[in-house]
C-alpha cells in the first residue's frame, strides 16, 4: 500500500467525518443500536472505536495496557485485510466481535465503517477465565471487579440481528461512497489558479468532446506540466476527473424515471454506451441499472 493512498484515505475520512450526512448517520446508528461506530482510514491499525460513543468499557480498560493493545492492533490489521471487498467480522482474544465495512469508490477501497465490541454468544464465567488466561500469556496482569463487571456488561446480540446491522452499514457505506466521489471533485484548498481555471473550463465543457491538450491550452500550460499539476491538486488524472464529473451528471439524470439510461449517458458527454457502462461501473461500483433501482 502506497503512502499516497494512505494520505488520500486520511483526507477523505477527515472530510466525511465533517459531513452532515455522516454525523447524522452516526448519531442515528449509535442511538438506535447502542453500538459504537467509527470511520477508519486504510492503513491505520489503532482501534477507532475507542473514541466513539458507546465504546465498550472493557476494551477501554484493555487499551491502557500496551501488550493487550498490541493484540487489538493485530486484529485491526486482520479485519482490514479481509474487508477489502466486503464486510468482515472477526473475534478478538476476549471473544468479542468487531466488523469493518469497506467504503469503495469504483473498485478501490478508500475507508472503512467499523462497529462491534459485542458478544454474539452470551459470556460465561468459564469464558471470562479463559480470557484472563490469554491475557496472562500476553504478560498482562488483569483481574478485579471492575474488569469483570465491564466484561459481563458487554452487549450480547443474536447473530441474525448483528447481520442486519451490518446490512444497514453496507447501505450507509454505499451512500458514503457516492459522497466520496463528490468530495474528490470538489476544489482543493489553496490550489493553483490554473487548476481552478481548469476545473471551471472542464465543468463548462464536460458534455462536449474535450481533450487534455484543449484544457492545458485554455489555462496556458504545456500538457506534461498540466498533467502533473492537475493530478497533484486533485488526486486523480484529467481523464478520471472528467469521467467522475460525467458520472455525477448521469446520476442526476437517472433520478428522472422517464429518462432512458442511454439518453442520460449521451447528454452527460459519453461518446459510446460501451465506454459509458465501463466507466460508470468503475466509478460508481455498480451498473447504471442497479444504481437507478437502488
Protein backbone atom coordinates (compact mmCIF):
# COMPACT_ATOMS: atom_id res chain seq x y z
CA UNK A 1 0.00 0.00 0.00
CA UNK A 2 1.49 3.33 -1.05
CA UNK A 3 1.93 6.37 1.17
CA UNK A 4 -0.08 8.38 -1.35
CA UNK A 5 -3.06 6.03 -0.99
CA UNK A 6 -2.89 6.25 2.81
CA UNK A 7 -2.69 10.04 2.69
CA UNK A 8 -5.65 10.28 0.34
CA UNK A 9 -7.67 7.93 2.56
CA UNK A 10 -6.93 10.06 5.63
CA UNK A 11 -8.03 13.19 3.77
CA UNK A 12 -11.27 11.52 2.61
CA UNK A 13 -12.05 10.29 6.15
CA UNK A 14 -11.43 13.77 7.58
CA UNK A 15 -13.90 15.30 5.13
CA UNK A 16 -16.51 12.57 5.59
CA UNK A 17 -16.34 12.97 9.37
CA UNK A 18 -17.21 16.65 8.98
CA UNK A 19 -20.13 15.99 6.63
CA UNK A 20 -23.69 16.36 7.87
CA UNK A 21 -24.57 13.03 6.25
CA UNK A 22 -22.07 11.04 8.31
CA UNK A 23 -22.68 12.90 11.57
CA UNK A 24 -26.44 12.36 11.26
CA UNK A 25 -25.96 8.68 10.46
CA UNK A 26 -23.51 8.16 13.32
CA UNK A 27 -25.96 9.73 15.79
CA UNK A 28 -28.87 7.64 14.50
CA UNK A 29 -26.83 4.43 14.42
CA UNK A 30 -25.43 4.83 17.94
CA UNK A 31 -28.80 5.84 19.35
CA UNK A 32 -30.77 3.01 17.77
CA UNK A 33 -28.29 0.13 18.15
CA UNK A 34 -26.35 1.15 21.28
CA UNK A 35 -23.15 0.20 19.42
CA UNK A 36 -20.11 2.35 18.63
CA UNK A 37 -19.47 3.48 15.05
CA UNK A 38 -16.32 4.95 13.55
CA UNK A 39 -14.78 5.86 10.21
CA UNK A 40 -11.29 4.48 9.68
CA UNK A 41 -8.74 5.33 7.03
CA UNK A 42 -6.91 2.48 5.33
CA UNK A 43 -3.53 1.54 6.75
CA UNK A 44 -4.23 2.79 10.28
CA UNK A 45 -4.48 -0.10 12.71
CA UNK A 46 -5.41 1.52 16.00
CA UNK A 47 -8.98 0.77 17.09
CA UNK A 48 -11.10 3.77 16.05
CA UNK A 49 -13.98 2.57 18.26
CA UNK A 50 -12.20 3.52 21.48
CA UNK A 51 -13.02 7.18 20.91
CA UNK A 52 -16.56 6.56 19.68
CA UNK A 53 -19.84 6.92 21.54
CA UNK A 54 -20.89 3.65 23.24
CA UNK A 55 -17.30 2.33 23.19
CA UNK A 56 -17.01 -0.86 25.24
CA UNK A 57 -15.63 -0.14 28.79
CA UNK A 58 -13.79 -3.50 28.76
CA UNK A 59 -11.98 -2.54 25.54
CA UNK A 60 -11.07 0.84 27.02
CA UNK A 61 -9.52 -0.88 30.02
CA UNK A 62 -7.58 -3.23 27.75
CA UNK A 63 -6.29 -0.29 25.68
CA UNK A 64 -4.48 1.00 28.74
CA UNK A 65 -2.05 -1.91 28.53
CA UNK A 66 0.47 -1.96 25.69
CA UNK A 67 0.51 -5.73 25.30
CA UNK A 68 -3.24 -6.20 25.09
CA UNK A 69 -3.35 -3.15 22.83
CA UNK A 70 -0.86 -4.87 20.51
CA UNK A 71 -3.22 -7.85 20.27
CA UNK A 72 -6.00 -5.45 19.31
CA UNK A 73 -3.79 -3.87 16.62
CA UNK A 74 -3.21 -7.29 15.09
CA UNK A 75 -6.97 -7.78 14.99
CA UNK A 76 -7.43 -4.44 13.19
CA UNK A 77 -4.87 -5.50 10.60
CA UNK A 78 -6.64 -8.83 10.00
CA UNK A 79 -10.03 -7.11 9.73
CA UNK A 80 -8.75 -4.69 7.10
CA UNK A 81 -7.01 -7.41 5.10
CA UNK A 82 -10.23 -9.37 4.75
CA UNK A 83 -12.63 -6.43 4.28
CA UNK A 84 -11.17 -5.02 1.07
CA UNK A 85 -14.22 -6.11 -0.93
CA UNK A 86 -16.99 -6.83 1.57
CA UNK A 87 -17.88 -6.67 5.26
CA UNK A 88 -15.54 -8.62 7.53
CA UNK A 89 -16.17 -9.79 11.11
CA UNK A 90 -13.53 -11.24 13.41
CA UNK A 91 -13.38 -12.24 17.06
CA UNK A 92 -10.76 -10.79 19.41
CA UNK A 93 -8.88 -12.63 22.16
CA UNK A 94 -11.68 -11.74 24.61
CA UNK A 95 -14.33 -13.35 22.38
CA UNK A 96 -15.86 -10.04 21.20
CA UNK A 97 -16.70 -9.44 17.56
CA UNK A 98 -15.67 -6.40 15.52
CA UNK A 99 -16.62 -5.67 11.92
CA UNK A 100 -15.39 -3.42 9.14
CA UNK A 101 -17.46 -2.47 6.08
CA UNK A 102 -15.46 -1.01 3.16
CA UNK A 103 -16.33 2.31 1.56
CA UNK A 104 -15.39 1.93 -2.08
CA UNK A 105 -15.13 4.32 -4.99
CA UNK A 106 -15.40 2.08 -8.01
CA UNK A 107 -13.04 -0.85 -7.42
CA UNK A 108 -10.88 0.91 -4.80
CA UNK A 109 -11.43 0.80 -1.04
CA UNK A 110 -10.89 4.29 0.37
CA UNK A 111 -12.03 3.88 4.01
CA UNK A 112 -13.98 1.65 6.41
CA UNK A 113 -17.04 1.91 8.62
CA UNK A 114 -16.33 -0.02 11.80
CA UNK A 115 -18.53 -1.28 14.62
CA UNK A 116 -18.69 -4.16 17.08
CA UNK A 117 -17.15 -4.81 20.50
CA UNK A 118 -20.09 -7.17 21.12
CA UNK A 119 -20.66 -10.80 22.04
CA UNK A 120 -22.57 -12.99 19.59
CA UNK A 121 -22.94 -15.59 22.35
CA UNK A 122 -23.74 -14.94 25.99
CA UNK A 123 -20.50 -14.89 28.02
CA UNK A 124 -19.89 -17.31 30.87
CA UNK A 125 -17.65 -17.35 33.91
CA UNK A 126 -15.56 -20.04 32.21
CA UNK A 127 -15.11 -17.87 29.11
CA UNK A 128 -14.04 -14.93 31.25
CA UNK A 129 -11.46 -17.13 32.99
CA UNK A 130 -10.12 -18.23 29.59
CA UNK A 131 -9.83 -14.55 28.64
CA UNK A 132 -7.79 -13.90 31.79
CA UNK A 133 -5.51 -16.84 30.97
CA UNK A 134 -4.95 -15.45 27.46
CA UNK A 135 -4.08 -12.08 28.96
CA UNK A 136 -1.64 -13.77 31.32
CA UNK A 137 0.08 -15.41 28.32
CA UNK A 138 0.46 -11.91 26.85
CA UNK A 139 2.12 -10.84 30.08
CA UNK A 140 -0.84 -8.75 31.21
CA UNK A 141 -1.80 -8.82 34.87
CA UNK A 142 -5.56 -8.40 34.70
CA UNK A 143 -8.44 -9.01 37.03
CA UNK A 144 -10.54 -7.24 39.58
CA UNK A 145 -14.19 -6.43 39.97
CA UNK A 146 -14.13 -3.51 37.52
CA UNK A 147 -12.73 -5.60 34.68
CA UNK A 148 -15.16 -8.45 35.32
CA UNK A 149 -18.13 -6.06 35.52
CA UNK A 150 -17.09 -4.41 32.23
CA UNK A 151 -16.72 -7.81 30.57
CA UNK A 152 -20.18 -9.03 31.54
CA UNK A 153 -21.75 -5.65 30.71
CA UNK A 154 -20.74 -6.09 27.06
CA UNK A 155 -23.79 -6.13 24.73
CA UNK A 156 -24.90 -9.55 23.52
CA UNK A 157 -26.60 -9.67 20.11
CA UNK A 158 -28.13 -12.60 18.23
CA UNK A 159 -26.14 -13.21 15.06
CA UNK A 160 -29.12 -12.53 12.78
CA UNK A 161 -29.65 -9.11 14.39
CA UNK A 162 -25.95 -8.30 14.11
CA UNK A 163 -26.00 -9.32 10.44
CA UNK A 164 -28.95 -6.96 9.91
CA UNK A 165 -26.94 -4.13 11.49
CA UNK A 166 -24.07 -4.88 9.12
CA UNK A 167 -26.56 -4.77 6.25
CA UNK A 168 -27.50 -1.24 7.30
CA UNK A 169 -23.82 -0.31 7.45
CA UNK A 170 -23.33 -1.67 3.94
CA UNK A 171 -26.09 0.62 2.66
CA UNK A 172 -24.51 3.54 4.54
CA UNK A 173 -21.13 2.70 3.00
CA UNK A 174 -22.67 2.84 -0.48
CA UNK A 175 -24.15 6.26 0.32
CA UNK A 176 -20.80 7.49 1.62
CA UNK A 177 -19.05 6.17 -1.48
CA UNK A 178 -21.22 8.46 -3.61
CA UNK A 179 -20.42 11.35 -1.28
CA UNK A 180 -16.71 10.48 -1.53
CA UNK A 181 -16.85 10.71 -5.31
CA UNK A 182 -18.33 14.21 -4.99
CA UNK A 183 -15.63 15.18 -2.49
CA UNK A 184 -12.96 14.08 -4.95
CA UNK A 185 -14.46 16.51 -7.47
CA UNK A 186 -14.50 19.49 -5.11
CA UNK A 187 -11.88 22.20 -5.24
CA UNK A 188 -8.85 21.65 -3.04
CA UNK A 189 -7.86 24.39 -0.63
CA UNK A 190 -5.17 26.82 -1.83
CA UNK A 191 -4.83 25.12 -5.22
CA UNK A 192 -3.09 26.89 -8.09
CA UNK A 193 -5.23 29.39 -10.02
CA UNK A 194 -4.54 27.38 -13.19
CA UNK A 195 -6.13 24.28 -11.64
CA UNK A 196 -9.17 26.30 -10.54
CA UNK A 197 -9.47 27.66 -14.09
CA UNK A 198 -9.10 24.15 -15.49
CA UNK A 199 -11.90 22.85 -13.26
CA UNK A 200 -14.17 25.67 -14.38
CA UNK A 201 -13.33 25.03 -18.04
CA UNK A 202 -13.96 21.29 -17.69
CA UNK A 203 -17.28 21.89 -15.92
CA UNK A 204 -18.37 24.24 -18.71
CA UNK A 205 -17.46 21.79 -21.50
CA UNK A 206 -17.95 18.41 -19.78
CA UNK A 207 -20.81 17.37 -22.08
CA UNK A 208 -18.71 18.05 -25.18
CA UNK A 209 -15.77 16.20 -26.72
CA UNK A 210 -12.92 17.67 -24.69
CA UNK A 211 -9.23 16.75 -24.70
CA UNK A 212 -6.35 17.12 -22.29
CA UNK A 213 -4.50 19.31 -24.77
CA UNK A 214 -7.51 21.60 -25.12
CA UNK A 215 -7.76 22.16 -21.36
CA UNK A 216 -4.00 22.69 -20.98
CA UNK A 217 -4.09 25.27 -23.77
CA UNK A 218 -7.05 27.04 -22.14
CA UNK A 219 -5.00 27.62 -18.95
CA UNK A 220 -1.75 28.41 -20.82
CA UNK A 221 0.24 25.37 -19.65
CA UNK A 222 2.09 22.66 -21.56
CA UNK A 223 0.46 19.25 -21.44
CA UNK A 224 3.13 17.50 -19.35
CA UNK A 225 3.23 20.15 -16.62
CA UNK A 226 -0.57 20.44 -16.60
CA UNK A 227 -0.95 16.67 -16.12
CA UNK A 228 1.45 16.68 -13.18
CA UNK A 229 -0.06 19.78 -11.55
CA UNK A 230 -3.67 18.69 -12.02
CA UNK A 231 -3.06 15.24 -10.53
CA UNK A 232 -1.19 16.67 -7.53
CA UNK A 233 -4.06 19.09 -6.84
CA UNK A 234 -6.99 16.70 -7.36
CA UNK A 235 -5.54 13.27 -6.63
CA UNK A 236 -6.80 11.93 -9.98
CA UNK A 237 -5.82 12.22 -13.63
CA UNK A 238 -7.61 14.53 -16.05
CA UNK A 239 -9.35 11.57 -17.72
CA UNK A 240 -10.52 10.15 -14.37
CA UNK A 241 -11.70 13.58 -13.20
CA UNK A 242 -13.73 14.13 -16.35
CA UNK A 243 -15.20 10.62 -16.08
CA UNK A 244 -16.27 11.21 -12.47
CA UNK A 245 -17.82 14.54 -13.36
CA UNK A 246 -19.81 12.98 -16.19
CA UNK A 247 -20.92 10.06 -13.99
CA UNK A 248 -22.26 12.53 -11.43
CA UNK A 249 -24.20 14.18 -14.25
CA UNK A 250 -25.68 10.83 -15.27
CA UNK A 251 -26.68 10.10 -11.66
CA UNK A 252 -28.70 13.31 -11.60
CA UNK A 253 -30.40 12.38 -14.89
CA UNK A 254 -31.25 8.90 -13.55
CA UNK A 255 -33.38 10.46 -10.81
CA UNK A 256 -35.90 11.06 -13.60
CA UNK A 257 -37.64 7.69 -14.12
CA UNK A 258 -38.69 8.69 -17.63
CA UNK A 259 -35.11 9.32 -18.79
CA UNK A 260 -33.55 6.39 -20.63
CA UNK A 261 -30.08 5.38 -19.45
CA UNK A 262 -28.62 5.69 -22.95
CA UNK A 263 -30.11 9.16 -23.30
CA UNK A 264 -28.62 10.22 -19.95
CA UNK A 265 -25.21 8.89 -20.97
CA UNK A 266 -25.04 10.84 -24.22
CA UNK A 267 -26.35 14.02 -22.59
CA UNK A 268 -23.56 13.78 -19.99
CA UNK A 269 -20.91 13.67 -22.71
CA UNK A 270 -20.15 9.96 -23.18
CA UNK A 271 -19.47 9.07 -26.79
CA UNK A 272 -20.48 5.39 -26.69
CA UNK A 273 -22.59 3.12 -24.49
CA UNK A 274 -19.77 0.60 -24.06
CA UNK A 275 -17.46 3.36 -22.81
CA UNK A 276 -20.20 4.71 -20.55
CA UNK A 277 -21.03 1.32 -18.98
CA UNK A 278 -17.36 0.59 -18.36
CA UNK A 279 -16.67 3.99 -16.77
CA UNK A 280 -19.88 4.05 -14.69
CA UNK A 281 -19.10 0.61 -13.22
CA UNK A 282 -15.53 1.64 -12.38
CA UNK A 283 -16.51 4.95 -10.76
CA UNK A 284 -19.81 4.00 -9.10
CA UNK A 285 -19.01 0.36 -8.35
CA UNK A 286 -22.31 -0.81 -9.88
CA UNK A 287 -24.10 -0.77 -13.21
CA UNK A 288 -26.35 2.18 -14.16
CA UNK A 289 -29.47 -0.01 -13.97
CA UNK A 290 -28.61 -1.25 -10.48
CA UNK A 291 -27.86 2.32 -9.37
CA UNK A 292 -31.24 3.50 -10.66
CA UNK A 293 -33.10 0.67 -8.88
CA UNK A 294 -31.38 1.48 -5.57
